[in-house]
Amino acid sequence: MKVGPIHPVSPTSRNQDALKKKDGVTKDRTQPQVDRFEPAPDKKVKTYGKVIGKADQVTIDKIRAESEKTYESLRRLVEQLLERQGSTMEKISHRDIVVDEEVRIEASALIADDGPLGAENMSNRIVDFAKAISGGDKSKIGAIREAIEEGFSQVSAVFDGLPDVSQRTYDLVMEKLAAWENGA
């Protein structure tokens, strides 16, 4: 077996296959490569830190079940009202609907101070949900407040101002968030 002479290899005499093309551009491997992170302009840069808590799914599911039960109760109340007036949810139009005394009493009970849609109970559910969804992380209170303010703002736009029970609920929610933030 015969071994031929060994010639030193310089970057300029390398096989051209070593310079790979990517997207039609030949990369110059003779220059040192510098890695640089450049986030996409339309995406947020994410950082990783200590995870303080995770969402409390049991509480979230409990609150969801309570809300669905209350919603169904309210929906049933409205359906019965419409039925007594010869209409249905599917056939409802923009005509005026007369709220009779029976429905007025039942609706008043729902939004009473001790009712399921009363300010105290609703504010408790909203704050409990906020705590559960945040995993108890108080650093998220600012974002929670903003979301709650946006929700109440949307309700206010629909009703041209907040109904009294909603205003009381909002005030209680903000008080309870402040108490949570301050360690109570």
N, C-alpha and C. Protein backbone atom coordinates (compact mmCIF):
# COMPACT_ATOMS: atom_id res chain seq x y z
N MET A 1 0.84 -1.17 0.00
CA MET A 1 0.00 0.00 0.00
C MET A 1 0.88 1.22 0.00
N LYS A 2 0.52 2.16 -0.84
CA LYS A 2 1.30 3.37 -1.00
C LYS A 2 0.48 4.55 -0.51
N VAL A 3 1.10 5.39 0.32
CA VAL A 3 0.43 6.58 0.84
C VAL A 3 1.03 7.78 0.15
N GLY A 4 0.14 8.64 -0.38
CA GLY A 4 0.60 9.81 -1.10
C GLY A 4 0.99 10.92 -0.14
N PRO A 5 1.58 11.99 -0.66
CA PRO A 5 1.99 13.10 0.19
C PRO A 5 0.78 13.79 0.82
N ILE A 6 0.96 14.31 2.02
CA ILE A 6 -0.10 15.03 2.73
C ILE A 6 0.13 16.51 2.53
N HIS A 7 -0.88 17.18 2.06
CA HIS A 7 -0.81 18.62 1.83
C HIS A 7 -1.66 19.32 2.88
N PRO A 8 -1.14 20.37 3.47
CA PRO A 8 -1.96 21.11 4.44
C PRO A 8 -3.18 21.71 3.75
N VAL A 9 -4.27 21.76 4.49
CA VAL A 9 -5.52 22.29 3.95
C VAL A 9 -5.74 23.69 4.51
N SER A 10 -5.96 24.63 3.62
CA SER A 10 -6.26 25.99 4.07
C SER A 10 -7.73 26.27 3.75
N PRO A 11 -8.33 27.26 4.42
CA PRO A 11 -9.74 27.55 4.17
C PRO A 11 -10.03 27.85 2.71
N THR A 12 -9.07 28.38 1.98
CA THR A 12 -9.32 28.71 0.59
C THR A 12 -9.24 27.49 -0.31
N SER A 13 -8.55 26.44 0.13
CA SER A 13 -8.45 25.27 -0.72
C SER A 13 -9.43 24.17 -0.33
N ARG A 14 -10.34 24.47 0.61
CA ARG A 14 -11.33 23.46 1.02
C ARG A 14 -12.25 23.14 -0.15
N ASN A 15 -12.77 21.98 -0.07
CA ASN A 15 -13.76 21.54 -1.05
C ASN A 15 -14.96 22.49 -0.99
N GLN A 16 -15.45 22.93 -2.10
CA GLN A 16 -16.56 23.88 -2.15
C GLN A 16 -17.84 23.29 -1.54
N ASP A 17 -17.91 21.96 -1.43
CA ASP A 17 -19.08 21.35 -0.78
C ASP A 17 -19.12 21.68 0.70
N ALA A 18 -17.97 22.02 1.28
CA ALA A 18 -17.92 22.36 2.69
C ALA A 18 -18.61 23.69 2.96
N LEU A 19 -18.68 24.52 1.95
CA LEU A 19 -19.41 25.79 2.08
C LEU A 19 -20.84 25.53 1.64
N LYS A 20 -21.68 25.28 2.59
CA LYS A 20 -23.05 24.91 2.27
C LYS A 20 -23.89 26.13 1.96
N LYS A 21 -24.80 25.93 1.07
CA LYS A 21 -25.72 27.00 0.74
C LYS A 21 -26.99 26.83 1.53
N LYS A 22 -27.43 27.92 2.10
CA LYS A 22 -28.72 27.92 2.79
C LYS A 22 -29.50 29.09 2.24
N ASP A 23 -30.68 28.81 1.77
CA ASP A 23 -31.53 29.84 1.15
C ASP A 23 -30.80 30.55 0.03
N GLY A 24 -29.97 29.82 -0.70
CA GLY A 24 -29.30 30.39 -1.86
C GLY A 24 -28.10 31.24 -1.52
N VAL A 25 -27.68 31.30 -0.24
CA VAL A 25 -26.56 32.14 0.17
C VAL A 25 -25.42 31.23 0.61
N THR A 26 -24.25 31.46 0.04
CA THR A 26 -23.08 30.69 0.44
C THR A 26 -22.51 31.31 1.70
N LYS A 27 -22.33 30.48 2.75
CA LYS A 27 -21.80 30.98 4.01
C LYS A 27 -20.29 30.95 3.97
N ASP A 28 -19.67 31.99 4.40
CA ASP A 28 -18.23 32.08 4.46
C ASP A 28 -17.78 31.53 5.80
N ARG A 29 -17.22 30.33 5.81
CA ARG A 29 -16.81 29.66 7.05
C ARG A 29 -15.45 30.17 7.55
N THR A 30 -14.81 31.09 6.81
CA THR A 30 -13.51 31.60 7.24
C THR A 30 -13.66 32.67 8.31
N GLN A 31 -14.84 33.28 8.40
CA GLN A 31 -15.10 34.32 9.39
C GLN A 31 -15.70 33.67 10.65
N PRO A 32 -15.30 34.15 11.81
CA PRO A 32 -15.88 33.59 13.03
C PRO A 32 -17.38 33.88 13.08
N GLN A 33 -18.13 32.91 13.56
CA GLN A 33 -19.59 33.05 13.65
C GLN A 33 -19.96 33.59 15.04
N VAL A 34 -20.84 34.57 15.05
CA VAL A 34 -21.32 35.17 16.29
C VAL A 34 -22.80 34.87 16.38
N ASP A 35 -23.18 34.21 17.46
CA ASP A 35 -24.59 33.92 17.67
C ASP A 35 -25.25 35.10 18.34
N ARG A 36 -26.41 35.45 17.84
CA ARG A 36 -27.15 36.58 18.38
C ARG A 36 -28.63 36.22 18.43
N PHE A 37 -29.30 36.56 19.52
CA PHE A 37 -30.73 36.32 19.64
C PHE A 37 -31.48 37.56 19.19
N GLU A 38 -32.35 37.37 18.24
CA GLU A 38 -33.20 38.46 17.78
C GLU A 38 -34.63 37.97 17.79
N PRO A 39 -35.46 38.46 18.73
CA PRO A 39 -36.84 37.99 18.79
C PRO A 39 -37.62 38.47 17.58
N ALA A 40 -38.59 37.67 17.19
CA ALA A 40 -39.45 38.06 16.08
C ALA A 40 -40.19 39.33 16.49
N PRO A 41 -40.35 40.29 15.60
CA PRO A 41 -40.95 41.57 15.98
C PRO A 41 -42.40 41.46 16.42
N ASP A 42 -43.14 40.44 15.99
CA ASP A 42 -44.54 40.34 16.33
C ASP A 42 -44.81 39.41 17.51
N LYS A 43 -43.77 38.93 18.15
CA LYS A 43 -43.96 38.02 19.27
C LYS A 43 -43.34 38.60 20.53
N LYS A 44 -43.94 38.27 21.66
CA LYS A 44 -43.42 38.73 22.93
C LYS A 44 -42.25 37.84 23.35
N VAL A 45 -41.25 38.45 23.96
CA VAL A 45 -40.13 37.70 24.48
C VAL A 45 -40.57 37.13 25.82
N LYS A 46 -40.35 35.85 26.00
CA LYS A 46 -40.76 35.22 27.24
C LYS A 46 -39.54 34.90 28.08
N THR A 47 -39.67 35.12 29.35
CA THR A 47 -38.60 34.77 30.27
C THR A 47 -39.12 33.72 31.22
N TYR A 48 -38.21 33.00 31.80
CA TYR A 48 -38.60 31.94 32.71
C TYR A 48 -38.08 32.28 34.09
N GLY A 49 -38.94 32.19 35.04
CA GLY A 49 -38.57 32.49 36.41
C GLY A 49 -39.16 31.44 37.32
N LYS A 50 -39.06 31.70 38.60
CA LYS A 50 -39.58 30.79 39.60
C LYS A 50 -41.10 30.74 39.47
N VAL A 51 -41.64 29.55 39.40
CA VAL A 51 -43.08 29.39 39.34
C VAL A 51 -43.61 29.48 40.75
N ILE A 52 -44.46 30.47 40.99
CA ILE A 52 -44.96 30.71 42.34
C ILE A 52 -46.14 29.80 42.65
N GLY A 53 -47.01 29.61 41.73
CA GLY A 53 -48.16 28.76 41.95
C GLY A 53 -48.81 28.44 40.64
N LYS A 54 -49.64 27.42 40.67
CA LYS A 54 -50.36 27.12 39.44
C LYS A 54 -51.85 27.20 39.71
N ALA A 55 -52.61 27.29 38.68
CA ALA A 55 -54.05 27.47 38.81
C ALA A 55 -54.65 26.35 39.66
N ASP A 56 -55.60 26.73 40.51
CA ASP A 56 -56.30 25.80 41.38
C ASP A 56 -57.53 25.30 40.63
N GLN A 57 -57.35 24.20 39.91
CA GLN A 57 -58.41 23.70 39.02
C GLN A 57 -59.65 23.27 39.80
N VAL A 58 -59.50 22.76 41.00
CA VAL A 58 -60.65 22.34 41.80
C VAL A 58 -61.55 23.54 42.10
N THR A 59 -60.95 24.65 42.52
CA THR A 59 -61.72 25.86 42.81
C THR A 59 -62.35 26.42 41.54
N ILE A 60 -61.59 26.41 40.46
CA ILE A 60 -62.12 26.91 39.18
C ILE A 60 -63.33 26.09 38.76
N ASP A 61 -63.23 24.77 38.87
CA ASP A 61 -64.35 23.90 38.49
C ASP A 61 -65.56 24.13 39.39
N LYS A 62 -65.32 24.34 40.69
CA LYS A 62 -66.42 24.60 41.63
C LYS A 62 -67.12 25.90 41.28
N ILE A 63 -66.35 26.95 41.03
CA ILE A 63 -66.93 28.25 40.67
C ILE A 63 -67.69 28.15 39.35
N ARG A 64 -67.13 27.43 38.40
CA ARG A 64 -67.80 27.24 37.10
C ARG A 64 -69.14 26.53 37.29
N ALA A 65 -69.17 25.49 38.12
CA ALA A 65 -70.41 24.74 38.36
C ALA A 65 -71.45 25.64 39.03
N GLU A 66 -71.04 26.43 40.02
CA GLU A 66 -71.96 27.36 40.69
C GLU A 66 -72.50 28.38 39.70
N SER A 67 -71.63 28.90 38.86
CA SER A 67 -72.05 29.91 37.88
C SER A 67 -73.04 29.32 36.88
N GLU A 68 -72.76 28.10 36.43
CA GLU A 68 -73.67 27.45 35.47
C GLU A 68 -75.03 27.19 36.10
N LYS A 69 -75.03 26.78 37.37
CA LYS A 69 -76.29 26.53 38.08
C LYS A 69 -77.09 27.83 38.20
N THR A 70 -76.43 28.91 38.58
CA THR A 70 -77.10 30.20 38.72
C THR A 70 -77.59 30.70 37.37
N TYR A 71 -76.77 30.53 36.33
CA TYR A 71 -77.17 30.94 34.98
C TYR A 71 -78.42 30.18 34.54
N GLU A 72 -78.43 28.88 34.77
CA GLU A 72 -79.59 28.06 34.37
C GLU A 72 -80.85 28.50 35.13
N SER A 73 -80.69 28.86 36.40
CA SER A 73 -81.82 29.34 37.18
C SER A 73 -82.37 30.64 36.59
N LEU A 74 -81.48 31.54 36.25
CA LEU A 74 -81.89 32.81 35.66
C LEU A 74 -82.51 32.58 34.27
N ARG A 75 -81.90 31.72 33.49
CA ARG A 75 -82.44 31.41 32.15
C ARG A 75 -83.85 30.82 32.25
N ARG A 76 -84.04 29.90 33.20
CA ARG A 76 -85.35 29.29 33.40
C ARG A 76 -86.38 30.36 33.76
N LEU A 77 -85.98 31.31 34.62
CA LEU A 77 -86.86 32.39 35.02
C LEU A 77 -87.31 33.21 33.80
N VAL A 78 -86.38 33.55 32.94
CA VAL A 78 -86.70 34.33 31.74
C VAL A 78 -87.55 33.50 30.77
N GLU A 79 -87.22 32.23 30.60
CA GLU A 79 -88.01 31.38 29.70
C GLU A 79 -89.46 31.28 30.17
N GLN A 80 -89.66 31.12 31.47
CA GLN A 80 -91.02 31.04 32.01
C GLN A 80 -91.77 32.36 31.81
N LEU A 81 -91.08 33.46 31.99
CA LEU A 81 -91.69 34.78 31.77
C LEU A 81 -92.14 34.90 30.32
N LEU A 82 -91.27 34.54 29.39
CA LEU A 82 -91.61 34.63 27.97
C LEU A 82 -92.75 33.69 27.60
N GLU A 83 -92.72 32.50 28.17
CA GLU A 83 -93.77 31.52 27.89
C GLU A 83 -95.13 32.04 28.33
N ARG A 84 -95.19 32.68 29.49
CA ARG A 84 -96.46 33.24 29.96
C ARG A 84 -96.96 34.35 29.05
N GLN A 85 -96.04 34.95 28.28
CA GLN A 85 -96.41 36.03 27.37
C GLN A 85 -96.55 35.54 25.94
N GLY A 86 -96.54 34.21 25.77
CA GLY A 86 -96.75 33.63 24.45
C GLY A 86 -95.52 33.69 23.55
N SER A 87 -94.34 33.73 24.10
CA SER A 87 -93.13 33.80 23.31
C SER A 87 -92.13 32.75 23.81
N THR A 88 -91.01 32.66 23.11
CA THR A 88 -89.92 31.76 23.52
C THR A 88 -88.61 32.48 23.30
N MET A 89 -87.53 31.89 23.82
CA MET A 89 -86.20 32.49 23.63
C MET A 89 -85.87 32.57 22.13
N GLU A 90 -86.29 31.57 21.37
CA GLU A 90 -85.98 31.54 19.94
C GLU A 90 -86.78 32.57 19.16
N LYS A 91 -87.99 32.88 19.63
CA LYS A 91 -88.87 33.80 18.90
C LYS A 91 -88.83 35.23 19.42
N ILE A 92 -88.02 35.46 20.45
CA ILE A 92 -88.01 36.78 21.08
C ILE A 92 -87.62 37.86 20.07
N SER A 93 -88.29 38.96 20.15
CA SER A 93 -87.98 40.09 19.27
C SER A 93 -87.62 41.28 20.15
N HIS A 94 -87.46 42.40 19.56
CA HIS A 94 -87.10 43.60 20.31
C HIS A 94 -88.30 44.28 20.94
N ARG A 95 -89.41 43.60 20.95
CA ARG A 95 -90.60 44.20 21.56
C ARG A 95 -90.41 44.27 23.07
N ASP A 96 -91.17 45.11 23.70
CA ASP A 96 -91.09 45.24 25.16
C ASP A 96 -91.64 43.99 25.81
N ILE A 97 -90.93 43.51 26.81
CA ILE A 97 -91.38 42.35 27.58
C ILE A 97 -91.82 42.86 28.94
N VAL A 98 -92.98 42.45 29.34
CA VAL A 98 -93.53 42.88 30.61
C VAL A 98 -93.04 41.93 31.70
N VAL A 99 -92.39 42.49 32.70
CA VAL A 99 -91.91 41.69 33.82
C VAL A 99 -93.01 41.70 34.88
N ASP A 100 -93.61 40.52 35.09
CA ASP A 100 -94.70 40.45 36.06
C ASP A 100 -94.15 40.38 37.49
N GLU A 101 -95.06 40.49 38.45
CA GLU A 101 -94.68 40.57 39.86
C GLU A 101 -93.96 39.29 40.33
N GLU A 102 -94.40 38.15 39.85
CA GLU A 102 -93.77 36.88 40.24
C GLU A 102 -92.29 36.86 39.84
N VAL A 103 -91.99 37.26 38.63
CA VAL A 103 -90.62 37.29 38.15
C VAL A 103 -89.83 38.38 38.86
N ARG A 104 -90.45 39.52 39.10
CA ARG A 104 -89.77 40.62 39.79
C ARG A 104 -89.33 40.16 41.19
N ILE A 105 -90.19 39.43 41.90
CA ILE A 105 -89.87 38.93 43.24
C ILE A 105 -88.73 37.92 43.17
N GLU A 106 -88.81 37.00 42.23
CA GLU A 106 -87.76 35.97 42.10
C GLU A 106 -86.43 36.59 41.69
N ALA A 107 -86.46 37.55 40.76
CA ALA A 107 -85.22 38.22 40.34
C ALA A 107 -84.63 39.03 41.49
N SER A 108 -85.49 39.69 42.27
CA SER A 108 -85.02 40.45 43.43
C SER A 108 -84.33 39.54 44.43
N ALA A 109 -84.87 38.33 44.61
CA ALA A 109 -84.25 37.37 45.53
C ALA A 109 -82.87 36.94 45.02
N LEU A 110 -82.73 36.82 43.71
CA LEU A 110 -81.44 36.42 43.14
C LEU A 110 -80.36 37.47 43.38
N ILE A 111 -80.73 38.77 43.29
CA ILE A 111 -79.72 39.82 43.45
C ILE A 111 -79.70 40.44 44.84
N ALA A 112 -80.50 39.89 45.76
CA ALA A 112 -80.51 40.39 47.14
C ALA A 112 -79.13 40.18 47.75
N ASP A 113 -78.86 40.87 48.86
CA ASP A 113 -77.55 40.78 49.50
C ASP A 113 -77.13 39.34 49.79
N ASP A 114 -78.09 38.48 50.16
CA ASP A 114 -77.75 37.08 50.45
C ASP A 114 -78.08 36.15 49.29
N GLY A 115 -78.46 36.70 48.13
CA GLY A 115 -78.80 35.89 46.97
C GLY A 115 -77.57 35.46 46.18
N PRO A 116 -77.71 34.45 45.34
CA PRO A 116 -76.56 33.94 44.58
C PRO A 116 -75.96 34.97 43.62
N LEU A 117 -76.76 35.94 43.18
CA LEU A 117 -76.25 36.99 42.30
C LEU A 117 -76.09 38.32 43.04
N GLY A 118 -76.17 38.29 44.36
CA GLY A 118 -75.99 39.49 45.17
C GLY A 118 -74.53 39.92 45.15
N ALA A 119 -74.30 41.16 45.53
CA ALA A 119 -72.96 41.74 45.46
C ALA A 119 -71.93 40.95 46.28
N GLU A 120 -72.30 40.55 47.49
CA GLU A 120 -71.36 39.82 48.35
C GLU A 120 -70.96 38.47 47.74
N ASN A 121 -71.94 37.69 47.34
CA ASN A 121 -71.64 36.36 46.78
C ASN A 121 -70.90 36.46 45.44
N MET A 122 -71.31 37.40 44.60
CA MET A 122 -70.63 37.55 43.31
C MET A 122 -69.19 38.03 43.50
N SER A 123 -68.98 38.98 44.42
CA SER A 123 -67.62 39.47 44.64
C SER A 123 -66.73 38.36 45.20
N ASN A 124 -67.30 37.52 46.07
CA ASN A 124 -66.53 36.38 46.59
C ASN A 124 -66.13 35.44 45.46
N ARG A 125 -67.07 35.14 44.56
CA ARG A 125 -66.76 34.23 43.44
C ARG A 125 -65.71 34.83 42.51
N ILE A 126 -65.83 36.12 42.23
CA ILE A 126 -64.87 36.76 41.33
C ILE A 126 -63.47 36.73 41.93
N VAL A 127 -63.35 37.08 43.21
CA VAL A 127 -62.04 37.09 43.86
C VAL A 127 -61.50 35.67 44.03
N ASP A 128 -62.37 34.73 44.42
CA ASP A 128 -61.93 33.33 44.53
C ASP A 128 -61.43 32.82 43.18
N PHE A 129 -62.13 33.18 42.11
CA PHE A 129 -61.71 32.76 40.78
C PHE A 129 -60.36 33.39 40.43
N ALA A 130 -60.20 34.67 40.75
CA ALA A 130 -58.93 35.36 40.46
C ALA A 130 -57.78 34.70 41.20
N LYS A 131 -57.99 34.36 42.46
CA LYS A 131 -56.95 33.69 43.24
C LYS A 131 -56.65 32.31 42.66
N ALA A 132 -57.70 31.58 42.28
CA ALA A 132 -57.52 30.24 41.75
C ALA A 132 -56.79 30.25 40.41
N ILE A 133 -57.18 31.14 39.53
CA ILE A 133 -56.59 31.18 38.19
C ILE A 133 -55.14 31.66 38.23
N SER A 134 -54.82 32.49 39.24
CA SER A 134 -53.45 33.01 39.36
C SER A 134 -52.55 32.08 40.18
N GLY A 135 -53.14 31.03 40.75
CA GLY A 135 -52.37 30.16 41.61
C GLY A 135 -51.97 30.84 42.90
N GLY A 136 -52.69 31.89 43.28
CA GLY A 136 -52.39 32.62 44.50
C GLY A 136 -51.22 33.58 44.38
N ASP A 137 -50.78 33.83 43.15
CA ASP A 137 -49.62 34.69 42.90
C ASP A 137 -50.04 36.16 42.96
N LYS A 138 -49.66 36.84 44.05
CA LYS A 138 -50.04 38.24 44.25
C LYS A 138 -49.41 39.18 43.23
N SER A 139 -48.34 38.74 42.57
CA SER A 139 -47.71 39.61 41.56
C SER A 139 -48.62 39.81 40.35
N LYS A 140 -49.67 39.01 40.25
CA LYS A 140 -50.60 39.11 39.12
C LYS A 140 -51.82 39.98 39.42
N ILE A 141 -51.85 40.57 40.61
CA ILE A 141 -53.02 41.37 41.01
C ILE A 141 -53.26 42.53 40.04
N GLY A 142 -52.21 43.16 39.56
CA GLY A 142 -52.37 44.27 38.61
C GLY A 142 -53.10 43.83 37.35
N ALA A 143 -52.70 42.70 36.79
CA ALA A 143 -53.36 42.17 35.59
C ALA A 143 -54.79 41.74 35.90
N ILE A 144 -54.99 41.19 37.08
CA ILE A 144 -56.34 40.77 37.49
C ILE A 144 -57.25 41.99 37.59
N ARG A 145 -56.75 43.05 38.24
CA ARG A 145 -57.55 44.28 38.36
C ARG A 145 -57.93 44.82 36.98
N GLU A 146 -56.95 44.86 36.08
CA GLU A 146 -57.22 45.38 34.73
C GLU A 146 -58.30 44.57 34.04
N ALA A 147 -58.23 43.25 34.15
CA ALA A 147 -59.23 42.38 33.51
C ALA A 147 -60.61 42.61 34.11
N ILE A 148 -60.67 42.71 35.42
CA ILE A 148 -61.95 42.94 36.09
C ILE A 148 -62.52 44.31 35.72
N GLU A 149 -61.67 45.33 35.71
CA GLU A 149 -62.13 46.67 35.31
C GLU A 149 -62.67 46.66 33.89
N GLU A 150 -61.99 45.94 33.00
CA GLU A 150 -62.45 45.85 31.61
C GLU A 150 -63.82 45.18 31.53
N GLY A 151 -64.00 44.11 32.30
CA GLY A 151 -65.29 43.41 32.31
C GLY A 151 -66.42 44.31 32.80
N PHE A 152 -66.19 45.00 33.89
CA PHE A 152 -67.22 45.90 34.42
C PHE A 152 -67.45 47.08 33.47
N SER A 153 -66.41 47.53 32.80
CA SER A 153 -66.55 48.60 31.83
C SER A 153 -67.45 48.17 30.66
N GLN A 154 -67.29 46.93 30.23
CA GLN A 154 -68.13 46.43 29.15
C GLN A 154 -69.59 46.32 29.58
N VAL A 155 -69.81 45.88 30.82
CA VAL A 155 -71.18 45.82 31.34
C VAL A 155 -71.76 47.22 31.41
N SER A 156 -70.96 48.16 31.87
CA SER A 156 -71.41 49.55 31.97
C SER A 156 -71.80 50.10 30.60
N ALA A 157 -71.05 49.74 29.57
CA ALA A 157 -71.36 50.21 28.22
C ALA A 157 -72.70 49.63 27.73
N VAL A 158 -72.97 48.38 28.07
CA VAL A 158 -74.21 47.74 27.65
C VAL A 158 -75.42 48.38 28.33
N PHE A 159 -75.29 48.64 29.64
CA PHE A 159 -76.41 49.17 30.41
C PHE A 159 -76.41 50.68 30.53
N ASP A 160 -75.47 51.34 29.87
CA ASP A 160 -75.36 52.80 29.98
C ASP A 160 -75.15 53.20 31.44
N GLY A 161 -74.22 52.52 32.08
CA GLY A 161 -73.93 52.69 33.51
C GLY A 161 -74.15 51.37 34.20
N LEU A 162 -73.53 51.20 35.36
CA LEU A 162 -73.69 49.95 36.09
C LEU A 162 -74.96 49.94 36.92
N PRO A 163 -75.71 48.83 36.87
CA PRO A 163 -76.83 48.70 37.82
C PRO A 163 -76.27 48.73 39.24
N ASP A 164 -77.09 49.09 40.20
CA ASP A 164 -76.62 49.21 41.59
C ASP A 164 -75.92 47.96 42.09
N VAL A 165 -76.51 46.79 41.84
CA VAL A 165 -75.90 45.55 42.33
C VAL A 165 -74.53 45.34 41.70
N SER A 166 -74.36 45.73 40.46
CA SER A 166 -73.06 45.58 39.80
C SER A 166 -72.04 46.57 40.36
N GLN A 167 -72.48 47.79 40.65
CA GLN A 167 -71.57 48.78 41.24
C GLN A 167 -71.11 48.32 42.62
N ARG A 168 -72.05 47.79 43.43
CA ARG A 168 -71.68 47.28 44.76
C ARG A 168 -70.73 46.09 44.62
N THR A 169 -70.98 45.23 43.64
CA THR A 169 -70.11 44.08 43.40
C THR A 169 -68.71 44.55 43.05
N TYR A 170 -68.61 45.51 42.15
CA TYR A 170 -67.32 46.05 41.73
C TYR A 170 -66.56 46.61 42.93
N ASP A 171 -67.23 47.41 43.74
CA ASP A 171 -66.59 48.01 44.91
C ASP A 171 -66.07 46.93 45.86
N LEU A 172 -66.89 45.91 46.11
CA LEU A 172 -66.47 44.82 47.00
C LEU A 172 -65.30 44.03 46.42
N VAL A 173 -65.31 43.80 45.11
CA VAL A 173 -64.20 43.08 44.47
C VAL A 173 -62.91 43.85 44.67
N MET A 174 -62.94 45.16 44.43
CA MET A 174 -61.72 45.96 44.58
C MET A 174 -61.24 45.99 46.04
N GLU A 175 -62.18 46.04 46.98
CA GLU A 175 -61.81 45.99 48.40
C GLU A 175 -61.15 44.65 48.74
N LYS A 176 -61.73 43.58 48.25
CA LYS A 176 -61.21 42.23 48.55
C LYS A 176 -59.86 41.99 47.88
N LEU A 177 -59.66 42.54 46.69
CA LEU A 177 -58.35 42.41 46.04
C LEU A 177 -57.29 43.19 46.83
N ALA A 178 -57.66 44.37 47.32
CA ALA A 178 -56.73 45.17 48.13
C ALA A 178 -56.38 44.44 49.42
N ALA A 179 -57.38 43.82 50.05
CA ALA A 179 -57.13 43.07 51.28
C ALA A 179 -56.21 41.88 51.01
N TRP A 180 -56.43 41.19 49.90
CA TRP A 180 -55.57 40.06 49.52
C TRP A 180 -54.14 40.54 49.28
N GLU A 181 -54.03 41.65 48.56
CA GLU A 181 -52.72 42.20 48.24
C GLU A 181 -51.97 42.60 49.51
N ASN A 182 -52.69 43.10 50.50
CA ASN A 182 -52.07 43.56 51.75
C ASN A 182 -51.95 42.46 52.80
N GLY A 183 -52.21 41.23 52.38
CA GLY A 183 -51.98 40.10 53.26
C GLY A 183 -53.16 39.63 54.08
N ALA A 184 -54.32 40.20 53.89
CA ALA A 184 -55.50 39.77 54.68
C ALA A 184 -56.07 38.49 54.12
